[in-house]
Amino acid sequence: MRAVVDGFEGDKARLEELGTKKLIVVSRRSLPKNAGEGSVVDDAAGTWQLDNDEAARRRKLASELVSSLLK
């Protein structure tokens, strides 16, 4: 499952599952140490790992959207 890190509250992390937008709460310690708000994480291998390619794709789409709105 791939999800975006929505935020942190104490030792918990809120994730939003990609595709369903379902909110999930996990232990902050279960995420990679360098995961932050907006990071894309994937647990397909059994542990949460960063998906930097998907995060870059999403940032590019957001940037293009903002650019198109400001024209």
PDB file of N, CA and C in Angstrom:
ATOM      1  N   MET A   1       0.850  -1.170   0.000  1.00  0.00           N
ATOM      2  CA  MET A   1       0.000   0.000   0.000  1.00  0.00           C
ATOM      3  C   MET A   1       0.896   1.234   0.000  1.00  0.00           C
ATOM      4  N   ARG A   2       0.563   2.182  -0.859  1.00  0.00           N
ATOM      5  CA  ARG A   2       1.278   3.451  -0.880  1.00  0.00           C
ATOM      6  C   ARG A   2       0.426   4.513  -0.221  1.00  0.00           C
ATOM      7  N   ALA A   3       1.096   5.402   0.499  1.00  0.00           N
ATOM      8  CA  ALA A   3       0.396   6.451   1.228  1.00  0.00           C
ATOM      9  C   ALA A   3       1.282   7.689   1.309  1.00  0.00           C
ATOM     10  N   VAL A   4       0.629   8.817   1.545  1.00  0.00           N
ATOM     11  CA  VAL A   4       1.326  10.088   1.742  1.00  0.00           C
ATOM     12  C   VAL A   4       1.294  10.407   3.231  1.00  0.00           C
ATOM     13  N   VAL A   5       2.427  10.835   3.768  1.00  0.00           N
ATOM     14  CA  VAL A   5       2.479  11.246   5.170  1.00  0.00           C
ATOM     15  C   VAL A   5       1.738  12.578   5.283  1.00  0.00           C
ATOM     16  N   ASP A   6       0.646  12.561   6.045  1.00  0.00           N
ATOM     17  CA  ASP A   6      -0.189  13.753   6.221  1.00  0.00           C
ATOM     18  C   ASP A   6       0.319  14.613   7.371  1.00  0.00           C
ATOM     19  N   GLY A   7       0.843  13.983   8.405  1.00  0.00           N
ATOM     20  CA  GLY A   7       1.343  14.752   9.543  1.00  0.00           C
ATOM     21  C   GLY A   7       1.710  13.844  10.700  1.00  0.00           C
ATOM     22  N   PHE A   8       2.200  14.464  11.754  1.00  0.00           N
ATOM     23  CA  PHE A   8       2.644  13.738  12.945  1.00  0.00           C
ATOM     24  C   PHE A   8       1.977  14.313  14.176  1.00  0.00           C
ATOM     25  N   GLU A   9       1.673  13.460  15.110  1.00  0.00           N
ATOM     26  CA  GLU A   9       1.166  13.860  16.428  1.00  0.00           C
ATOM     27  C   GLU A   9       1.861  12.985  17.457  1.00  0.00           C
ATOM     28  N   GLY A  10       2.837  13.566  18.127  1.00  0.00           N
ATOM     29  CA  GLY A  10       3.595  12.793  19.103  1.00  0.00           C
ATOM     30  C   GLY A  10       4.329  11.650  18.430  1.00  0.00           C
ATOM     31  N   ASP A  11       4.086  10.422  18.909  1.00  0.00           N
ATOM     32  CA  ASP A  11       4.758   9.261  18.333  1.00  0.00           C
ATOM     33  C   ASP A  11       3.928   8.578  17.246  1.00  0.00           C
ATOM     34  N   LYS A  12       2.891   9.229  16.774  1.00  0.00           N
ATOM     35  CA  LYS A  12       2.019   8.678  15.722  1.00  0.00           C
ATOM     36  C   LYS A  12       2.177   9.478  14.424  1.00  0.00           C
ATOM     37  N   ALA A  13       1.971   8.789  13.304  1.00  0.00           N
ATOM     38  CA  ALA A  13       1.987   9.430  11.991  1.00  0.00           C
ATOM     39  C   ALA A  13       0.646   9.168  11.320  1.00  0.00           C
ATOM     40  N   ARG A  14       0.087  10.220  10.711  1.00  0.00           N
ATOM     41  CA  ARG A  14      -1.147  10.084   9.936  1.00  0.00           C
ATOM     42  C   ARG A  14      -0.776   9.921   8.472  1.00  0.00           C
ATOM     43  N   LEU A  15      -1.290   8.867   7.854  1.00  0.00           N
ATOM     44  CA  LEU A  15      -1.040   8.610   6.440  1.00  0.00           C
ATOM     45  C   LEU A  15      -2.354   8.655   5.690  1.00  0.00           C
ATOM     46  N   GLU A  16      -2.301   9.097   4.435  1.00  0.00           N
ATOM     47  CA  GLU A  16      -3.469   9.064   3.564  1.00  0.00           C
ATOM     48  C   GLU A  16      -3.154   8.093   2.430  1.00  0.00           C
ATOM     49  N   GLU A  17      -3.914   7.004   2.378  1.00  0.00           N
ATOM     50  CA  GLU A  17      -3.688   5.980   1.369  1.00  0.00           C
ATOM     51  C   GLU A  17      -3.970   6.543  -0.020  1.00  0.00           C
ATOM     52  N   LEU A  18      -3.034   6.325  -0.935  1.00  0.00           N
ATOM     53  CA  LEU A  18      -3.219   6.808  -2.307  1.00  0.00           C
ATOM     54  C   LEU A  18      -4.334   6.010  -2.975  1.00  0.00           C
ATOM     55  N   GLY A  19      -5.191   6.698  -3.676  1.00  0.00           N
ATOM     56  CA  GLY A  19      -6.288   6.060  -4.381  1.00  0.00           C
ATOM     57  C   GLY A  19      -7.586   6.093  -3.608  1.00  0.00           C
ATOM     58  N   THR A  20      -7.538   5.758  -2.321  1.00  0.00           N
ATOM     59  CA  THR A  20      -8.765   5.707  -1.520  1.00  0.00           C
ATOM     60  C   THR A  20      -8.917   6.917  -0.602  1.00  0.00           C
ATOM     61  N   LYS A  21      -7.802   7.604  -0.325  1.00  0.00           N
ATOM     62  CA  LYS A  21      -7.764   8.726   0.620  1.00  0.00           C
ATOM     63  C   LYS A  21      -8.144   8.311   2.035  1.00  0.00           C
ATOM     64  N   LYS A  22      -8.092   7.015   2.315  1.00  0.00           N
ATOM     65  CA  LYS A  22      -8.364   6.496   3.646  1.00  0.00           C
ATOM     66  C   LYS A  22      -7.235   6.929   4.588  1.00  0.00           C
ATOM     67  N   LEU A  23      -7.605   7.432   5.777  1.00  0.00           N
ATOM     68  CA  LEU A  23      -6.607   7.851   6.757  1.00  0.00           C
ATOM     69  C   LEU A  23      -6.182   6.665   7.612  1.00  0.00           C
ATOM     70  N   ILE A  24      -4.886   6.558   7.814  1.00  0.00           N
ATOM     71  CA  ILE A  24      -4.297   5.460   8.572  1.00  0.00           C
ATOM     72  C   ILE A  24      -3.370   6.078   9.614  1.00  0.00           C
ATOM     73  N   VAL A  25      -3.365   5.546  10.810  1.00  0.00           N
ATOM     74  CA  VAL A  25      -2.447   6.009  11.854  1.00  0.00           C
ATOM     75  C   VAL A  25      -1.477   4.875  12.147  1.00  0.00           C
ATOM     76  N   VAL A  26      -0.177   5.194  12.073  1.00  0.00           N
ATOM     77  CA  VAL A  26       0.865   4.207  12.345  1.00  0.00           C
ATOM     78  C   VAL A  26       1.858   4.805  13.330  1.00  0.00           C
ATOM     79  N   SER A  27       2.689   3.955  13.881  1.00  0.00           N
ATOM     80  CA  SER A  27       3.756   4.420  14.756  1.00  0.00           C
ATOM     81  C   SER A  27       4.769   5.211  13.932  1.00  0.00           C
ATOM     82  N   ARG A  28       5.163   6.353  14.436  1.00  0.00           N
ATOM     83  CA  ARG A  28       6.154   7.192  13.740  1.00  0.00           C
ATOM     84  C   ARG A  28       7.454   6.424  13.553  1.00  0.00           C
ATOM     85  N   ARG A  29       7.777   5.556  14.506  1.00  0.00           N
ATOM     86  CA  ARG A  29       9.016   4.776  14.437  1.00  0.00           C
ATOM     87  C   ARG A  29       8.999   3.747  13.323  1.00  0.00           C
ATOM     88  N   SER A  30       7.796   3.390  12.811  1.00  0.00           N
ATOM     89  CA  SER A  30       7.734   2.401  11.738  1.00  0.00           C
ATOM     90  C   SER A  30       8.081   3.005  10.376  1.00  0.00           C
ATOM     91  N   LEU A  31       8.127   4.333  10.295  1.00  0.00           N
ATOM     92  CA  LEU A  31       8.464   5.010   9.044  1.00  0.00           C
ATOM     93  C   LEU A  31       9.972   5.252   8.973  1.00  0.00           C
ATOM     94  N   PRO A  32      10.508   5.445   7.753  1.00  0.00           N
ATOM     95  CA  PRO A  32      11.924   5.799   7.647  1.00  0.00           C
ATOM     96  C   PRO A  32      12.200   7.105   8.390  1.00  0.00           C
ATOM     97  N   LYS A  33      13.380   7.221   8.953  1.00  0.00           N
ATOM     98  CA  LYS A  33      13.721   8.397   9.770  1.00  0.00           C
ATOM     99  C   LYS A  33      13.596   9.708   9.003  1.00  0.00           C
ATOM    100  N   ASN A  34      13.849   9.689   7.691  1.00  0.00           N
ATOM    101  CA  ASN A  34      13.811  10.932   6.918  1.00  0.00           C
ATOM    102  C   ASN A  34      12.455  11.177   6.263  1.00  0.00           C
ATOM    103  N   ALA A  35      11.422  10.437   6.650  1.00  0.00           N
ATOM    104  CA  ALA A  35      10.071  10.685   6.139  1.00  0.00           C
ATOM    105  C   ALA A  35       9.503  11.924   6.815  1.00  0.00           C
ATOM    106  N   GLY A  36       8.914  12.797   6.022  1.00  0.00           N
ATOM    107  CA  GLY A  36       8.306  14.008   6.541  1.00  0.00           C
ATOM    108  C   GLY A  36       6.946  14.211   5.917  1.00  0.00           C
ATOM    109  N   GLU A  37       6.285  15.283   6.287  1.00  0.00           N
ATOM    110  CA  GLU A  37       4.977  15.577   5.704  1.00  0.00           C
ATOM    111  C   GLU A  37       5.114  15.692   4.197  1.00  0.00           C
ATOM    112  N   GLY A  38       4.241  15.020   3.474  1.00  0.00           N
ATOM    113  CA  GLY A  38       4.275  15.016   2.022  1.00  0.00           C
ATOM    114  C   GLY A  38       5.082  13.874   1.428  1.00  0.00           C
ATOM    115  N   SER A  39       5.838  13.153   2.255  1.00  0.00           N
ATOM    116  CA  SER A  39       6.592  12.003   1.744  1.00  0.00           C
ATOM    117  C   SER A  39       5.629  10.904   1.326  1.00  0.00           C
ATOM    118  N   VAL A  40       6.002  10.180   0.274  1.00  0.00           N
ATOM    119  CA  VAL A  40       5.229   9.019  -0.148  1.00  0.00           C
ATOM    120  C   VAL A  40       5.949   7.787   0.389  1.00  0.00           C
ATOM    121  N   VAL A  41       5.208   6.923   1.064  1.00  0.00           N
ATOM    122  CA  VAL A  41       5.780   5.707   1.627  1.00  0.00           C
ATOM    123  C   VAL A  41       5.014   4.494   1.102  1.00  0.00           C
ATOM    124  N   ASP A  42       5.703   3.352   1.066  1.00  0.00           N
ATOM    125  CA  ASP A  42       5.127   2.116   0.534  1.00  0.00           C
ATOM    126  C   ASP A  42       5.534   0.974   1.467  1.00  0.00           C
ATOM    127  N   ASP A  43       4.569   0.129   1.811  1.00  0.00           N
ATOM    128  CA  ASP A  43       4.884  -1.005   2.691  1.00  0.00           C
ATOM    129  C   ASP A  43       4.814  -2.340   1.955  1.00  0.00           C
ATOM    130  N   ALA A  44       4.956  -2.333   0.632  1.00  0.00           N
ATOM    131  CA  ALA A  44       4.858  -3.561  -0.166  1.00  0.00           C
ATOM    132  C   ALA A  44       5.905  -4.599   0.242  1.00  0.00           C
ATOM    133  N   ALA A  45       7.051  -4.163   0.716  1.00  0.00           N
ATOM    134  CA  ALA A  45       8.117  -5.080   1.114  1.00  0.00           C
ATOM    135  C   ALA A  45       7.984  -5.530   2.567  1.00  0.00           C
ATOM    136  N   GLY A  46       6.910  -5.118   3.236  1.00  0.00           N
ATOM    137  CA  GLY A  46       6.703  -5.521   4.628  1.00  0.00           C
ATOM    138  C   GLY A  46       7.102  -4.465   5.635  1.00  0.00           C
ATOM    139  N   THR A  47       7.860  -3.470   5.203  1.00  0.00           N
ATOM    140  CA  THR A  47       8.208  -2.337   6.055  1.00  0.00           C
ATOM    141  C   THR A  47       8.017  -1.075   5.221  1.00  0.00           C
ATOM    142  N   TRP A  48       7.754   0.032   5.893  1.00  0.00           N
ATOM    143  CA  TRP A  48       7.551   1.293   5.180  1.00  0.00           C
ATOM    144  C   TRP A  48       8.864   1.763   4.590  1.00  0.00           C
ATOM    145  N   GLN A  49       8.836   2.082   3.298  1.00  0.00           N
ATOM    146  CA  GLN A  49      10.000   2.614   2.607  1.00  0.00           C
ATOM    147  C   GLN A  49       9.571   3.838   1.814  1.00  0.00           C
ATOM    148  N   LEU A  50      10.492   4.787   1.659  1.00  0.00           N
ATOM    149  CA  LEU A  50      10.193   5.987   0.875  1.00  0.00           C
ATOM    150  C   LEU A  50      10.050   5.625  -0.598  1.00  0.00           C
ATOM    151  N   ASP A  51       9.097   6.259  -1.267  1.00  0.00           N
ATOM    152  CA  ASP A  51       8.918   6.127  -2.709  1.00  0.00           C
ATOM    153  C   ASP A  51       9.213   7.501  -3.303  1.00  0.00           C
ATOM    154  N   ASN A  52      10.501   7.784  -3.489  1.00  0.00           N
ATOM    155  CA  ASN A  52      10.929   9.107  -3.945  1.00  0.00           C
ATOM    156  C   ASN A  52      10.458   9.404  -5.365  1.00  0.00           C
ATOM    157  N   ASP A  53      10.350   8.390  -6.217  1.00  0.00           N
ATOM    158  CA  ASP A  53       9.888   8.615  -7.585  1.00  0.00           C
ATOM    159  C   ASP A  53       8.442   9.110  -7.598  1.00  0.00           C
ATOM    160  N   GLU A  54       7.589   8.482  -6.799  1.00  0.00           N
ATOM    161  CA  GLU A  54       6.187   8.904  -6.738  1.00  0.00           C
ATOM    162  C   GLU A  54       6.065  10.290  -6.106  1.00  0.00           C
ATOM    163  N   ALA A  55       6.870  10.558  -5.097  1.00  0.00           N
ATOM    164  CA  ALA A  55       6.839  11.880  -4.459  1.00  0.00           C
ATOM    165  C   ALA A  55       7.240  12.958  -5.466  1.00  0.00           C
ATOM    166  N   ALA A  56       8.273  12.697  -6.273  1.00  0.00           N
ATOM    167  CA  ALA A  56       8.716  13.663  -7.282  1.00  0.00           C
ATOM    168  C   ALA A  56       7.634  13.865  -8.339  1.00  0.00           C
ATOM    169  N   ARG A  57       6.968  12.790  -8.755  1.00  0.00           N
ATOM    170  CA  ARG A  57       5.904  12.882  -9.742  1.00  0.00           C
ATOM    171  C   ARG A  57       4.763  13.745  -9.219  1.00  0.00           C
ATOM    172  N   ARG A  58       4.388  13.544  -7.954  1.00  0.00           N
ATOM    173  CA  ARG A  58       3.293  14.301  -7.352  1.00  0.00           C
ATOM    174  C   ARG A  58       3.666  15.774  -7.192  1.00  0.00           C
ATOM    175  N   ARG A  59       4.923  16.059  -6.813  1.00  0.00           N
ATOM    176  CA  ARG A  59       5.367  17.452  -6.699  1.00  0.00           C
ATOM    177  C   ARG A  59       5.331  18.148  -8.062  1.00  0.00           C
ATOM    178  N   LYS A  60       5.754  17.431  -9.116  1.00  0.00           N
ATOM    179  CA  LYS A  60       5.740  18.002 -10.459  1.00  0.00           C
ATOM    180  C   LYS A  60       4.308  18.322 -10.892  1.00  0.00           C
ATOM    181  N   LEU A  61       3.384  17.401 -10.666  1.00  0.00           N
ATOM    182  CA  LEU A  61       1.983  17.641 -11.021  1.00  0.00           C
ATOM    183  C   LEU A  61       1.420  18.849 -10.273  1.00  0.00           C
ATOM    184  N   ALA A  62       1.729  18.951  -8.990  1.00  0.00           N
ATOM    185  CA  ALA A  62       1.241  20.080  -8.195  1.00  0.00           C
ATOM    186  C   ALA A  62       1.823  21.392  -8.712  1.00  0.00           C
ATOM    187  N   SER A  63       3.091  21.387  -9.062  1.00  0.00           N
ATOM    188  CA  SER A  63       3.738  22.589  -9.583  1.00  0.00           C
ATOM    189  C   SER A  63       3.118  23.005 -10.913  1.00  0.00           C
ATOM    190  N   GLU A  64       2.850  22.030 -11.777  1.00  0.00           N
ATOM    191  CA  GLU A  64       2.228  22.321 -13.064  1.00  0.00           C
ATOM    192  C   GLU A  64       0.820  22.883 -12.876  1.00  0.00           C
ATOM    193  N   LEU A  65       0.094  22.363 -11.924  1.00  0.00           N
ATOM    194  CA  LEU A  65      -1.250  22.847 -11.647  1.00  0.00           C
ATOM    195  C   LEU A  65      -1.224  24.299 -11.177  1.00  0.00           C
ATOM    196  N   VAL A  66      -0.330  24.602 -10.250  1.00  0.00           N
ATOM    197  CA  VAL A  66      -0.212  25.974  -9.755  1.00  0.00           C
ATOM    198  C   VAL A  66       0.186  26.914 -10.894  1.00  0.00           C
ATOM    199  N   SER A  67       1.130  26.480 -11.719  1.00  0.00           N
ATOM    200  CA  SER A  67       1.561  27.312 -12.851  1.00  0.00           C
ATOM    201  C   SER A  67       0.407  27.597 -13.798  1.00  0.00           C
ATOM    202  N   SER A  68      -0.411  26.579 -14.073  1.00  0.00           N
ATOM    203  CA  SER A  68      -1.526  26.776 -14.993  1.00  0.00           C
ATOM    204  C   SER A  68      -2.595  27.712 -14.404  1.00  0.00           C
ATOM    205  N   LEU A  69      -2.736  27.702 -13.091  1.00  0.00           N
ATOM    206  CA  LEU A  69      -3.709  28.569 -12.436  1.00  0.00           C
ATOM    207  C   LEU A  69      -3.250  30.032 -12.405  1.00  0.00           C
ATOM    208  N   LEU A  70      -1.941  30.238 -12.412  1.00  0.00           N
ATOM    209  CA  LEU A  70      -1.396  31.591 -12.309  1.00  0.00           C
ATOM    210  C   LEU A  70      -1.223  32.271 -13.654  1.00  0.00           C
ATOM    211  N   LYS A  71      -1.528  31.590 -14.738  1.00  0.00           N
ATOM    212  CA  LYS A  71      -1.387  32.194 -16.077  1.00  0.00           C
ATOM    213  C   LYS A  71      -2.493  33.163 -16.356  1.00  0.00           C
TER     214      LYS A  71
END
